Amino acid sequence: MADSNTPNITLVQQVNGENDSTWGDKVDANFGKIDKWLGLSLRDGIIGGHLVASVNASALTIAIKAQSGNDPSSTEPVIVPIRNATLATGSLTSIELTAATSLVISSGSTMGATASTAFRLWVLGFNDGGTFRLGALLENSSTNLDEGALRSATAEGGSGGADSANTAYAGAGITSKAFRILGYMDWSSGLGTPGTWSAGPTTIQSMGPGVAKQVPASALTEGDVAYVGTANIFTADQTIQSSDAGSGVGPLLTLHRNSASPADADTLGRIIFSGKNSAAEDTTYGSIYAFATDVTDGTEDARMIFTARSGGTNSICLNLSAGGYMNGESDPGAGNFAAASFVENGTALSSKYFLASSAGSLATTDTINNSDWSGTDLAVENGGTGASTPAGARSALELGSLATASTVNNGNWSGTDLAVANGGTGASSLSGLLRGNGTSAITGSATINNGDWSGTDLSVANGGTGASTLSGLLRGNGTSAITGSSTINNDDWSGADLAVANGGTGASTAQDAANNTVGQVATQASAAGSALGVDGSGNVKKYSVANVLAAMGTTKGNILYHNGTAWTVLAPP
């Protein structure tokens, strides 16, 4: 621009030969001259303007400004070149902006951002049938940033609902329109709360020569997919990382053969391990292949091959399919492995552990017995007794005299008393009642007392009373507990009549009781005016009252007197 032969922007009027308000229309017609003089290129997303961003009330506003910083106007227009909406037509359409142009990402709209994670918003310009519409998207899949395809946009809506990544949002809905990438805006540390636009972008970049139209690695988050259409060489270690704290599988590395005509024996992918040899030649030292051996839907089969270089040749060493098998062998089927031989420390294992064609009958028998044994006795070190007789076995096993004894008695015991913990008493002598002491030795006791008793009352069946307190007459109840009673009745008596000598009548009838207690009273006929008395022999006699009184003399006392109905007591006169 400092070159005096290069006109500045004011010379556009001279180029067009006019000085009127149709400057913008003439720019489109003379674009090649402007590009040549001003160094502008159709690779620029915006001609004569730039992107700005501002935040207010947690909302983000993206705007296009003229180079002066003012809104585009008829005197300071901004040009946006966009490809033709017909994909088969390669011409460009230039849209002239002469008024304020902006897009508001409303408060609450996350655009698909993750909290405190870097992200990038791409700013797009759409040609919606001749009307320019500003759009934005958070793109984490670089295949969608293709200006050679038509694109749609969803209306932002103004209510905080623009929340999806990989979705373009604009002031109005757009369906399959040509668009131009105008630039991008980065938030290198993200936002603490996505949807709360509390800070503007850390980087604003308008598109132009040398500006990549790819999603940077720093803007990719877990779950995003980065697509690269050309070969790349990574000179540093690469890490595929997943922060999934659940049980899901991740991270994933997928080699996808997206064939439109899959066929049996297709090679699905190959991982090559390469390095230099002593001649500084690139050499493949190993590789892993995967083949689709059957692509029929529902019966798909695959085969994996592992190769390794040996003797200067990279050869197949292992195959995996339904089963596993070494090169030169066939697939043995699920759960099996096939190899020409198995070697342990230079010795073929087939002669030691695998059934040979010359194997004897024991190889096919389920059990073996004495008749199957041939040779010397199986040595102790091989799990045998080293003998063919019991005595020889005891000797070979170095057993003591007890091994040959038929019985064991006190004479065979040596050492301390066998402890209670080992099933003994822990003592060599015991007398009286035996008293346990936990794991200590059992002791003998001459007596047992209340302190030795623990638990419920000793039952009648075990020689006790079944009760802890008793009062009054004791009443037995079979095997139930003895009870105390304050009275005794006829139901309590069993056995012979209680003798007079023991305080009873000695009889079970009134007549016998009378005979046993008052002598002859019961045998005397009862008559009015009679009295009872005892003669000199001690017999009870019936007398007249007068005779009884005469016999009594001056001795005074009551007499039994019968009044013709019953015996009664008569006081002396």
Protein backbone atom coordinates (compact mmCIF):
# COMPACT_ATOMS: atom_id res chain seq x y z
CA MET A 1 0.00 0.00 0.00
CA ALA A 2 2.95 2.33 0.57
CA ASP A 3 3.88 2.06 -3.13
CA SER A 4 2.74 5.27 -4.92
CA ASN A 5 1.80 3.20 -7.97
CA THR A 6 -0.70 1.20 -5.92
CA PRO A 7 -3.95 3.09 -5.52
CA ASN A 8 -5.66 3.17 -2.18
CA ILE A 9 -9.33 2.49 -1.65
CA THR A 10 -10.29 6.00 -2.80
CA LEU A 11 -9.02 5.13 -6.27
CA VAL A 12 -11.90 2.75 -6.78
CA GLN A 13 -13.91 5.65 -8.08
CA GLN A 14 -11.18 6.31 -10.63
CA VAL A 15 -11.10 2.68 -11.68
CA ASN A 16 -14.82 2.67 -12.25
CA GLY A 17 -14.69 6.07 -13.88
CA GLU A 18 -17.54 7.14 -11.66
CA ASN A 19 -18.11 8.80 -8.35
CA ASP A 20 -21.61 7.84 -7.28
CA SER A 21 -23.55 5.61 -4.87
CA THR A 22 -23.30 2.54 -7.12
CA TRP A 23 -19.78 1.75 -5.95
CA GLY A 24 -20.77 -1.60 -4.56
CA ASP A 25 -22.37 -2.74 -7.80
CA LYS A 26 -19.26 -1.76 -9.76
CA VAL A 27 -16.99 -3.62 -7.35
CA ASP A 28 -18.60 -6.89 -8.38
CA ALA A 29 -18.16 -6.08 -12.06
CA ASN A 30 -14.50 -5.04 -11.72
CA PHE A 31 -13.45 -7.47 -8.99
CA GLY A 32 -10.36 -8.67 -10.78
CA LYS A 33 -8.90 -5.15 -10.93
CA ILE A 34 -9.57 -4.48 -7.24
CA ASP A 35 -8.02 -7.80 -6.29
CA LYS A 36 -4.94 -6.99 -8.33
CA TRP A 37 -4.51 -3.44 -7.02
CA LEU A 38 -5.44 -3.88 -3.39
CA GLY A 39 -3.99 -7.35 -2.86
CA LEU A 40 -7.41 -8.68 -1.85
CA SER A 41 -8.36 -12.26 -2.65
CA LEU A 42 -11.59 -14.17 -2.88
CA ARG A 43 -10.00 -16.43 -0.29
CA ASP A 44 -10.87 -13.73 2.22
CA GLY A 45 -14.18 -14.31 3.96
CA ILE A 46 -14.88 -10.60 4.42
CA ILE A 47 -13.66 -7.81 2.14
CA GLY A 48 -13.48 -4.37 3.66
CA GLY A 49 -14.59 -5.49 7.10
CA HIS A 50 -13.90 -7.67 10.14
CA LEU A 51 -15.57 -9.58 12.97
CA VAL A 52 -16.21 -8.23 16.47
CA ALA A 53 -17.79 -9.77 19.57
CA SER A 54 -19.33 -8.33 22.72
CA VAL A 55 -21.13 -9.71 25.78
CA ASN A 56 -24.02 -8.16 27.67
CA ALA A 57 -26.54 -9.64 30.12
CA SER A 58 -24.96 -13.11 29.63
CA ALA A 59 -25.62 -12.96 25.86
CA LEU A 60 -23.03 -12.93 23.06
CA THR A 61 -23.32 -10.62 20.06
CA ILE A 62 -21.29 -11.35 16.91
CA ALA A 63 -21.17 -8.50 14.41
CA ILE A 64 -19.52 -7.51 11.15
CA LYS A 65 -17.96 -4.06 11.18
CA ALA A 66 -16.36 -1.97 8.44
CA GLN A 67 -12.63 -1.36 8.66
CA SER A 68 -13.33 1.92 10.46
CA GLY A 69 -15.11 0.01 13.23
CA ASN A 70 -18.49 1.38 12.23
CA ASP A 71 -21.44 -0.61 10.97
CA PRO A 72 -21.37 -1.22 7.20
CA SER A 73 -23.06 1.54 5.23
CA SER A 74 -23.60 2.67 1.67
CA THR A 75 -20.50 4.82 1.94
CA GLU A 76 -18.45 2.11 3.68
CA PRO A 77 -19.84 -1.20 2.51
CA VAL A 78 -18.49 -4.70 3.36
CA ILE A 79 -18.34 -7.36 0.65
CA VAL A 80 -18.85 -11.12 1.34
CA PRO A 81 -18.13 -13.38 -1.68
CA ILE A 82 -20.08 -16.71 -1.52
CA ARG A 83 -20.07 -19.60 -3.98
CA ASN A 84 -22.98 -20.16 -6.31
CA ALA A 85 -25.90 -22.03 -4.77
CA THR A 86 -25.80 -24.43 -7.74
CA LEU A 87 -22.99 -26.81 -6.94
CA ALA A 88 -22.27 -27.50 -10.62
CA THR A 89 -21.69 -23.77 -11.19
CA GLY A 90 -18.32 -22.46 -10.11
CA SER A 91 -19.07 -18.73 -10.14
CA LEU A 92 -19.15 -16.54 -7.05
CA THR A 93 -21.83 -14.22 -5.80
CA SER A 94 -20.76 -11.13 -3.85
CA ILE A 95 -23.18 -9.83 -1.26
CA GLU A 96 -22.76 -6.20 -0.25
CA LEU A 97 -23.51 -5.30 3.38
CA THR A 98 -24.59 -1.66 3.86
CA ALA A 99 -26.30 -1.88 7.25
CA ALA A 100 -25.62 -3.17 10.74
CA THR A 101 -25.24 -6.97 10.60
CA SER A 102 -25.11 -9.12 13.75
CA LEU A 103 -26.21 -12.33 15.42
CA VAL A 104 -27.15 -12.65 19.10
CA ILE A 105 -26.45 -15.92 20.92
CA SER A 106 -28.97 -15.55 23.75
CA SER A 107 -28.31 -16.19 27.41
CA GLY A 108 -28.72 -19.91 28.12
CA SER A 109 -27.65 -21.04 24.65
CA THR A 110 -24.58 -23.25 25.17
CA MET A 111 -23.91 -23.91 21.46
CA GLY A 112 -22.78 -27.36 22.69
CA ALA A 113 -19.87 -26.09 24.83
CA THR A 114 -18.64 -28.01 27.90
CA ALA A 115 -17.90 -26.28 31.20
CA SER A 116 -14.35 -24.92 31.52
CA THR A 117 -13.31 -26.60 28.24
CA ALA A 118 -11.79 -24.76 25.29
CA PHE A 119 -14.05 -24.35 22.27
CA ARG A 120 -14.27 -22.51 18.97
CA LEU A 121 -17.25 -20.81 17.33
CA TRP A 122 -17.11 -20.62 13.55
CA VAL A 123 -18.79 -17.56 12.04
CA LEU A 124 -20.61 -18.22 8.76
CA GLY A 125 -22.27 -16.04 6.14
CA PHE A 126 -25.28 -17.52 4.26
CA ASN A 127 -26.73 -16.40 0.94
CA ASP A 128 -30.42 -17.01 1.67
CA GLY A 129 -31.83 -16.24 -1.78
CA GLY A 130 -29.97 -12.91 -1.97
CA THR A 131 -30.44 -12.06 1.74
CA PHE A 132 -27.31 -12.24 3.83
CA ARG A 133 -27.66 -14.08 7.14
CA LEU A 134 -24.97 -14.29 9.79
CA GLY A 135 -24.59 -17.69 11.46
CA ALA A 136 -22.41 -19.45 14.02
CA LEU A 137 -21.68 -23.00 15.15
CA LEU A 138 -19.47 -24.91 17.56
CA GLU A 139 -17.99 -27.47 15.22
CA ASN A 140 -16.02 -30.48 16.50
CA SER A 141 -16.01 -32.45 13.25
CA SER A 142 -13.96 -30.87 10.51
CA THR A 143 -15.75 -32.65 7.65
CA ASN A 144 -18.66 -30.25 8.03
CA LEU A 145 -16.51 -27.19 7.40
CA ASP A 146 -16.80 -27.63 3.65
CA GLU A 147 -17.83 -24.60 1.61
CA GLY A 148 -18.25 -26.88 -1.39
CA ALA A 149 -21.52 -28.19 0.05
CA LEU A 150 -24.81 -26.54 0.91
CA ARG A 151 -25.70 -26.13 4.53
CA SER A 152 -28.74 -25.48 6.68
CA ALA A 153 -29.08 -23.45 9.86
CA THR A 154 -31.51 -23.45 12.78
CA ALA A 155 -33.07 -20.24 14.09
CA GLU A 156 -31.33 -19.22 17.33
CA GLY A 157 -34.73 -18.30 18.69
CA GLY A 158 -33.61 -15.81 21.34
CA SER A 159 -34.72 -17.99 24.27
CA GLY A 160 -31.55 -19.86 25.20
CA GLY A 161 -32.23 -23.02 23.20
CA ALA A 162 -29.25 -23.09 20.85
CA ASP A 163 -27.47 -25.94 22.63
CA SER A 164 -26.18 -28.41 20.03
CA ALA A 165 -22.66 -28.75 18.72
CA ASN A 166 -22.24 -29.27 14.96
CA THR A 167 -25.45 -27.32 14.37
CA ALA A 168 -25.34 -23.92 12.70
CA TYR A 169 -27.58 -21.25 14.24
CA ALA A 170 -28.70 -18.06 12.51
CA GLY A 171 -31.21 -15.29 13.01
CA ALA A 172 -33.72 -17.27 10.95
CA GLY A 173 -34.02 -20.85 9.75
CA ILE A 174 -32.09 -21.67 6.55
CA THR A 175 -32.36 -24.78 4.39
CA SER A 176 -29.59 -25.97 2.04
CA LYS A 177 -27.95 -22.66 1.19
CA ALA A 178 -24.48 -21.70 0.01
CA PHE A 179 -22.32 -20.28 2.78
CA ARG A 180 -18.91 -18.77 3.44
CA ILE A 181 -16.66 -19.24 6.47
CA LEU A 182 -16.02 -15.68 7.67
CA GLY A 183 -13.72 -16.54 10.58
CA TYR A 184 -13.71 -18.02 14.07
CA MET A 185 -13.70 -17.04 17.74
CA ASP A 186 -11.85 -19.07 20.39
CA TRP A 187 -12.43 -19.35 24.13
CA SER A 188 -9.13 -20.92 25.19
CA SER A 189 -10.33 -21.81 28.71
CA GLY A 190 -14.00 -22.20 27.90
CA LEU A 191 -16.76 -20.79 30.08
CA GLY A 192 -17.37 -21.74 33.70
CA THR A 193 -21.08 -22.06 32.96
CA PRO A 194 -21.87 -22.75 29.29
CA GLY A 195 -24.72 -20.55 28.14
CA THR A 196 -23.69 -17.75 30.48
CA TRP A 197 -21.65 -15.58 28.12
CA SER A 198 -19.69 -13.79 30.81
CA ALA A 199 -16.52 -13.28 28.75
CA GLY A 200 -15.72 -12.56 25.15
CA PRO A 201 -13.43 -14.70 23.00
CA THR A 202 -9.70 -14.87 23.65
CA THR A 203 -9.05 -14.96 19.87
CA ILE A 204 -10.97 -13.50 16.90
CA GLN A 205 -9.68 -14.53 13.48
CA SER A 206 -11.16 -13.44 10.12
CA MET A 207 -10.62 -15.88 7.27
CA GLY A 208 -7.90 -15.15 4.79
CA PRO A 209 -4.89 -16.71 3.10
CA GLY A 210 -3.08 -19.17 5.40
CA VAL A 211 -5.95 -19.49 7.89
CA ALA A 212 -6.80 -23.19 8.31
CA LYS A 213 -10.40 -24.29 8.02
CA GLN A 214 -9.96 -27.17 10.44
CA VAL A 215 -10.97 -27.72 14.05
CA PRO A 216 -7.86 -27.38 16.26
CA ALA A 217 -7.04 -30.23 18.63
CA SER A 218 -7.50 -27.87 21.59
CA ALA A 219 -11.12 -27.33 20.56
CA LEU A 220 -11.93 -31.04 20.43
CA THR A 221 -13.49 -32.59 23.54
CA GLU A 222 -14.10 -36.18 24.50
CA GLY A 223 -16.55 -37.79 22.12
CA ASP A 224 -15.63 -35.44 19.26
CA VAL A 225 -14.36 -36.85 15.99
CA ALA A 226 -11.54 -35.26 14.00
CA TYR A 227 -11.36 -36.11 10.31
CA VAL A 228 -8.21 -35.69 8.25
CA GLY A 229 -8.43 -36.27 4.52
CA THR A 230 -4.69 -36.33 3.83
CA ALA A 231 -1.74 -38.34 5.10
CA ASN A 232 -0.10 -37.00 8.22
CA ILE A 233 3.12 -37.63 10.09
CA PHE A 234 3.15 -37.25 13.85
CA THR A 235 6.58 -36.59 15.30
CA ALA A 236 5.54 -36.85 18.93
CA ASP A 237 3.75 -39.46 21.04
CA GLN A 238 -0.01 -39.45 20.64
CA THR A 239 -2.52 -40.33 23.36
CA ILE A 240 -6.16 -41.27 22.97
CA GLN A 241 -7.73 -40.52 26.30
CA SER A 242 -11.10 -41.12 27.91
CA SER A 243 -12.23 -39.71 31.25
CA ASP A 244 -15.29 -41.94 31.46
CA ALA A 245 -15.68 -42.96 35.11
CA GLY A 246 -18.34 -45.56 34.33
CA SER A 247 -18.15 -49.08 32.93
CA GLY A 248 -18.31 -48.00 29.30
CA VAL A 249 -15.56 -48.94 26.85
CA GLY A 250 -13.14 -46.19 26.02
CA PRO A 251 -11.09 -44.78 24.54
CA LEU A 252 -11.79 -46.34 21.15
CA LEU A 253 -9.54 -46.62 18.11
CA THR A 254 -11.53 -47.52 14.99
CA LEU A 255 -10.11 -48.46 11.59
CA HIS A 256 -13.16 -48.28 9.34
CA ARG A 257 -13.15 -49.46 5.73
CA ASN A 258 -16.16 -47.57 4.33
CA SER A 259 -16.51 -49.63 1.16
CA ALA A 260 -19.49 -49.20 -1.15
CA SER A 261 -18.97 -52.75 -2.46
CA PRO A 262 -17.62 -54.97 0.33
CA ALA A 263 -16.43 -58.39 -0.75
CA ASP A 264 -14.98 -61.52 0.80
CA ALA A 265 -11.23 -61.32 1.45
CA ASP A 266 -11.28 -57.50 1.72
CA THR A 267 -8.37 -56.21 3.79
CA LEU A 268 -10.03 -54.05 6.44
CA GLY A 269 -6.91 -52.42 7.79
CA ARG A 270 -3.28 -52.85 8.70
CA ILE A 271 -1.09 -51.60 11.51
CA ILE A 272 2.56 -51.50 10.48
CA PHE A 273 5.55 -51.43 12.82
CA SER A 274 8.38 -49.91 10.84
CA GLY A 275 11.94 -48.85 11.46
CA LYS A 276 15.36 -48.49 9.86
CA ASN A 277 17.81 -51.29 9.18
CA SER A 278 21.60 -51.05 9.18
CA ALA A 279 21.50 -49.70 5.63
CA ALA A 280 19.21 -46.85 6.74
CA GLU A 281 16.36 -48.43 4.78
CA ASP A 282 12.76 -48.23 5.96
CA THR A 283 11.86 -51.76 7.03
CA THR A 284 8.61 -53.33 8.17
CA TYR A 285 9.40 -55.39 11.26
CA GLY A 286 5.88 -56.46 12.06
CA SER A 287 2.26 -55.83 11.24
CA ILE A 288 -1.32 -56.71 12.13
CA TYR A 289 -3.90 -57.31 9.40
CA ALA A 290 -7.66 -57.78 9.55
CA PHE A 291 -9.59 -59.43 6.72
CA ALA A 292 -13.29 -59.84 6.07
CA THR A 293 -13.40 -63.50 5.00
CA ASP A 294 -17.20 -63.49 4.68
CA VAL A 295 -19.24 -60.29 4.29
CA THR A 296 -22.64 -62.02 4.08
CA ASP A 297 -25.10 -60.31 6.40
CA GLY A 298 -25.70 -62.45 9.46
CA THR A 299 -22.82 -64.89 8.84
CA GLU A 300 -19.87 -62.47 8.72
CA ASP A 301 -16.45 -64.01 9.39
CA ALA A 302 -13.07 -62.40 9.92
CA ARG A 303 -9.43 -63.33 10.14
CA MET A 304 -6.60 -61.50 11.86
CA ILE A 305 -2.98 -62.03 10.89
CA PHE A 306 0.13 -61.17 12.87
CA THR A 307 3.40 -60.93 10.96
CA ALA A 308 6.99 -60.64 12.16
CA ARG A 309 10.28 -60.31 10.31
CA SER A 310 12.63 -63.26 10.59
CA GLY A 311 15.76 -63.84 8.55
CA GLY A 312 15.09 -60.72 6.52
CA THR A 313 11.55 -61.76 5.58
CA ASN A 314 8.33 -60.47 7.04
CA SER A 315 6.21 -63.61 7.41
CA ILE A 316 2.89 -64.61 8.89
CA CYS A 317 3.39 -66.12 12.32
CA LEU A 318 -0.12 -66.26 13.82
CA ASN A 319 -3.68 -66.46 12.52
CA LEU A 320 -6.83 -65.84 14.54
CA SER A 321 -10.25 -66.78 13.27
CA ALA A 322 -12.76 -69.15 14.90
CA GLY A 323 -9.70 -70.78 16.48
CA GLY A 324 -6.01 -69.95 16.57
CA TYR A 325 -3.40 -71.50 14.32
CA MET A 326 0.18 -71.05 13.21
CA ASN A 327 1.09 -70.41 9.61
CA GLY A 328 0.86 -73.60 7.55
CA GLU A 329 -1.96 -75.00 9.70
CA SER A 330 -5.73 -74.76 9.24
CA ASP A 331 -8.34 -73.18 11.44
CA PRO A 332 -9.10 -75.87 14.09
CA GLY A 333 -12.42 -74.27 15.11
CA ALA A 334 -13.64 -72.38 18.14
CA GLY A 335 -11.70 -73.02 21.34
CA ASN A 336 -8.83 -74.87 19.63
CA PHE A 337 -5.29 -74.07 18.61
CA ALA A 338 -3.26 -75.75 15.90
CA ALA A 339 0.51 -75.85 15.49
CA ALA A 340 2.99 -78.22 13.89
CA SER A 341 4.66 -78.78 17.26
CA PHE A 342 5.04 -77.35 20.74
CA VAL A 343 8.53 -76.89 22.15
CA GLU A 344 9.70 -76.37 25.72
CA ASN A 345 13.33 -75.40 26.23
CA GLY A 346 14.24 -76.96 22.92
CA THR A 347 12.32 -80.19 23.52
CA ALA A 348 9.21 -81.04 21.55
CA LEU A 349 6.35 -81.33 24.02
CA SER A 350 4.42 -83.72 21.83
CA SER A 351 6.52 -86.68 23.06
CA LYS A 352 5.91 -85.76 26.72
CA TYR A 353 2.40 -84.38 27.01
CA PHE A 354 0.48 -85.12 23.84
CA LEU A 355 -1.12 -88.35 22.72
CA ALA A 356 1.01 -90.08 20.11
CA SER A 357 -0.27 -92.61 17.59
CA SER A 358 1.65 -95.35 19.45
CA ALA A 359 0.03 -94.61 22.84
CA GLY A 360 -1.07 -97.73 24.75
CA SER A 361 -4.49 -98.68 26.07
CA LEU A 362 -4.07 -96.52 29.18
CA ALA A 363 -4.44 -93.43 26.98
CA THR A 364 -8.08 -94.29 26.40
CA THR A 365 -9.06 -95.76 29.80
CA ASP A 366 -10.95 -93.84 32.49
CA THR A 367 -9.44 -95.65 35.53
CA ILE A 368 -6.33 -97.68 36.38
CA ASN A 369 -5.82 -100.42 39.02
CA ASN A 370 -3.13 -102.75 40.33
CA SER A 371 -3.09 -104.85 37.20
CA ASP A 372 -2.12 -101.77 35.15
CA TRP A 373 1.11 -101.30 37.12
CA SER A 374 4.38 -102.69 35.83
CA GLY A 375 7.90 -102.06 37.07
CA THR A 376 9.48 -101.18 40.40
CA ASP A 377 7.55 -99.81 43.32
CA LEU A 378 6.67 -96.13 42.96
CA ALA A 379 9.24 -94.14 44.93
CA VAL A 380 8.29 -91.88 47.81
CA GLU A 381 9.61 -88.83 45.94
CA ASN A 382 7.18 -89.63 43.11
CA GLY A 383 4.19 -89.90 45.41
CA GLY A 384 4.42 -93.62 46.21
CA THR A 385 5.50 -95.67 49.25
CA GLY A 386 8.61 -97.18 47.72
CA ALA A 387 7.50 -100.66 48.81
CA SER A 388 5.18 -103.51 47.88
CA THR A 389 4.38 -104.61 51.49
CA PRO A 390 2.93 -102.70 54.44
CA ALA A 391 6.04 -103.30 56.55
CA GLY A 392 8.27 -102.15 53.71
CA ALA A 393 6.11 -99.08 53.18
CA ARG A 394 6.33 -98.14 56.89
CA SER A 395 10.07 -98.49 56.75
CA ALA A 396 10.39 -96.48 53.55
CA LEU A 397 8.21 -93.76 54.99
CA GLU A 398 10.36 -93.84 58.19
CA LEU A 399 7.36 -94.39 60.44
CA GLY A 400 7.86 -95.19 64.21
CA SER A 401 6.70 -98.21 66.17
CA LEU A 402 3.17 -96.88 66.52
CA ALA A 403 2.69 -97.38 62.79
CA THR A 404 2.96 -101.14 63.37
CA ALA A 405 0.99 -101.32 66.65
CA SER A 406 -2.50 -102.78 66.66
CA THR A 407 -3.56 -100.78 69.71
CA VAL A 408 -2.43 -97.72 71.61
CA ASN A 409 -2.42 -97.57 75.45
CA ASN A 410 -0.93 -95.62 78.35
CA GLY A 411 2.42 -97.18 77.73
CA ASN A 412 2.55 -95.51 74.33
CA TRP A 413 2.08 -92.07 75.81
CA SER A 414 5.09 -89.86 76.40
CA GLY A 415 5.25 -86.23 77.44
CA THR A 416 3.02 -83.89 79.36
CA ASP A 417 -0.66 -84.54 80.08
CA LEU A 418 -2.81 -84.14 77.00
CA ALA A 419 -4.25 -80.61 77.12
CA VAL A 420 -7.97 -79.91 77.14
CA ALA A 421 -7.48 -77.99 73.85
CA ASN A 422 -6.22 -81.25 72.29
CA GLY A 423 -9.06 -83.39 73.65
CA GLY A 424 -7.45 -84.41 76.97
CA THR A 425 -8.03 -83.42 80.63
CA GLY A 426 -4.76 -81.61 81.19
CA ALA A 427 -4.29 -83.63 84.38
CA SER A 428 -2.75 -86.98 85.37
CA SER A 429 -5.06 -87.65 88.37
CA LEU A 430 -8.65 -86.71 89.22
CA SER A 431 -11.08 -87.52 92.08
CA GLY A 432 -14.55 -86.41 93.12
CA LEU A 433 -16.69 -84.28 90.93
CA LEU A 434 -14.90 -83.02 87.79
CA ARG A 435 -14.81 -79.30 87.23
CA GLY A 436 -14.07 -77.81 83.80
CA ASN A 437 -11.94 -74.63 83.62
CA GLY A 438 -12.17 -73.48 80.02
CA THR A 439 -9.04 -74.59 78.23
CA SER A 440 -7.18 -75.08 81.53
CA ALA A 441 -6.80 -78.54 83.09
CA ILE A 442 -9.90 -80.25 84.51
CA THR A 443 -9.91 -80.41 88.33
CA GLY A 444 -11.66 -82.70 90.87
CA SER A 445 -14.03 -81.36 93.54
CA ALA A 446 -15.43 -83.22 96.60
CA THR A 447 -18.56 -81.11 96.81
CA ILE A 448 -20.88 -79.03 94.73
CA ASN A 449 -22.71 -75.94 96.02
CA ASN A 450 -25.04 -73.20 94.97
CA GLY A 451 -22.19 -71.33 93.35
CA ASP A 452 -21.70 -74.23 90.95
CA TRP A 453 -25.28 -74.04 89.74
CA SER A 454 -26.09 -71.98 86.63
CA GLY A 455 -29.23 -71.91 84.54
CA THR A 456 -32.90 -72.72 85.21
CA ASP A 457 -34.19 -74.55 88.36
CA LEU A 458 -33.33 -78.24 88.40
CA SER A 459 -36.38 -80.08 87.07
CA VAL A 460 -38.22 -82.85 88.92
CA ALA A 461 -37.20 -85.27 86.14
CA ASN A 462 -33.56 -84.55 87.03
CA GLY A 463 -34.08 -84.90 90.82
CA GLY A 464 -34.91 -81.27 91.63
CA THR A 465 -38.11 -79.47 92.60
CA GLY A 466 -38.42 -77.42 89.40
CA ALA A 467 -38.91 -74.30 91.56
CA SER A 468 -36.73 -71.72 93.27
CA THR A 469 -39.21 -70.91 96.13
CA LEU A 470 -41.72 -73.09 98.08
CA SER A 471 -44.04 -72.55 101.13
CA GLY A 472 -46.80 -74.52 102.92
CA LEU A 473 -47.60 -78.15 102.16
CA LEU A 474 -45.67 -79.43 99.12
CA ARG A 475 -47.70 -80.88 96.31
CA GLY A 476 -46.17 -83.11 93.68
CA ASN A 477 -47.31 -82.76 90.05
CA GLY A 478 -45.80 -85.68 88.20
CA THR A 479 -42.74 -84.45 86.34
CA SER A 480 -43.90 -80.84 86.58
CA ALA A 481 -42.49 -78.51 89.24
CA ILE A 482 -43.48 -79.11 92.91
CA THR A 483 -45.85 -76.47 94.25
CA GLY A 484 -46.68 -75.26 97.81
CA SER A 485 -50.23 -75.46 99.26
CA SER A 486 -51.68 -73.92 102.47
CA THR A 487 -54.40 -76.65 102.80
CA ILE A 488 -54.86 -80.37 102.28
CA ASN A 489 -58.14 -82.14 101.34
CA ASN A 490 -59.56 -85.58 100.62
CA ASP A 491 -58.08 -85.52 97.08
CA ASP A 492 -54.62 -85.28 98.58
CA TRP A 493 -54.95 -88.60 100.60
CA SER A 494 -53.83 -91.96 99.15
CA GLY A 495 -53.26 -95.30 100.94
CA ALA A 496 -54.44 -96.94 104.27
CA ASP A 497 -56.62 -95.08 106.86
CA LEU A 498 -54.58 -92.88 109.17
CA ALA A 499 -54.14 -94.78 112.46
CA VAL A 500 -55.39 -93.39 115.78
CA ALA A 501 -51.76 -93.55 117.00
CA ASN A 502 -50.84 -91.13 114.18
CA GLY A 503 -53.73 -88.75 114.97
CA GLY A 504 -56.40 -90.38 112.73
CA THR A 505 -59.48 -92.54 113.33
CA GLY A 506 -58.04 -95.70 111.85
CA ALA A 507 -61.24 -96.10 109.81
CA SER A 508 -62.91 -94.98 106.65
CA THR A 509 -66.52 -95.17 108.03
CA ALA A 510 -68.21 -93.30 110.88
CA GLN A 511 -69.13 -96.56 112.78
CA ASP A 512 -65.55 -97.84 112.63
CA ALA A 513 -64.24 -94.50 113.60
CA ALA A 514 -66.57 -94.42 116.63
CA ASN A 515 -65.54 -97.91 117.69
CA ASN A 516 -61.87 -96.91 117.42
CA THR A 517 -62.21 -93.65 119.30
CA VAL A 518 -65.09 -93.86 121.93
CA GLY A 519 -65.23 -97.65 122.52
CA GLN A 520 -68.71 -99.19 122.81
CA VAL A 521 -70.74 -96.03 122.37
CA ALA A 522 -71.77 -96.90 118.86
CA THR A 523 -72.89 -100.43 119.97
CA GLN A 524 -75.30 -99.31 122.67
CA ALA A 525 -78.91 -98.99 121.79
CA SER A 526 -80.08 -95.47 122.05
CA ALA A 527 -83.09 -94.80 124.29
CA ALA A 528 -84.53 -91.80 125.99
CA GLY A 529 -83.27 -91.29 129.52
CA SER A 530 -80.15 -93.36 128.95
CA ALA A 531 -76.62 -92.36 129.71
CA LEU A 532 -73.19 -93.78 128.83
CA GLY A 533 -70.57 -94.76 131.31
CA VAL A 534 -67.43 -96.85 131.55
CA ASP A 535 -67.41 -99.94 133.80
CA GLY A 536 -64.51 -101.30 135.75
CA SER A 537 -63.27 -103.24 132.75
CA GLY A 538 -63.11 -100.13 130.62
CA ASN A 539 -66.20 -100.93 128.59
CA VAL A 540 -68.79 -98.34 127.72
CA LYS A 541 -72.19 -99.22 129.14
CA LYS A 542 -75.66 -97.72 128.92
CA TYR A 543 -77.05 -96.72 132.26
CA SER A 544 -79.98 -94.84 133.49
CA VAL A 545 -79.23 -91.25 134.30
CA ALA A 546 -80.01 -91.87 137.98
CA ASN A 547 -77.56 -94.73 138.19
CA VAL A 548 -74.86 -92.72 136.48
CA LEU A 549 -75.33 -89.82 138.81
CA ALA A 550 -75.33 -92.11 141.87
CA ALA A 551 -72.16 -93.75 140.71
CA MET A 552 -70.50 -90.40 140.22
CA GLY A 553 -71.12 -89.41 143.80
CA THR A 554 -69.74 -86.00 144.44
CA THR A 555 -67.64 -86.10 141.27
CA LYS A 556 -69.01 -83.52 138.97
CA GLY A 557 -68.67 -83.59 135.21
CA ASN A 558 -70.55 -83.74 131.94
CA ILE A 559 -72.10 -86.98 130.80
CA LEU A 560 -73.43 -88.15 127.45
CA TYR A 561 -77.15 -88.35 127.52
CA HIS A 562 -79.55 -89.70 124.88
CA ASN A 563 -82.79 -87.82 124.65
CA GLY A 564 -84.47 -90.33 122.33
CA THR A 565 -83.29 -88.60 119.16
CA ALA A 566 -79.56 -88.05 119.53
CA TRP A 567 -76.73 -88.12 122.04
CA THR A 568 -76.13 -84.84 123.82
CA VAL A 569 -74.06 -83.48 126.66
CA LEU A 570 -75.73 -83.28 130.03
CA ALA A 571 -74.30 -81.12 132.74
CA PRO A 572 -74.34 -82.66 136.27
CA PRO A 573 -76.94 -81.40 138.67
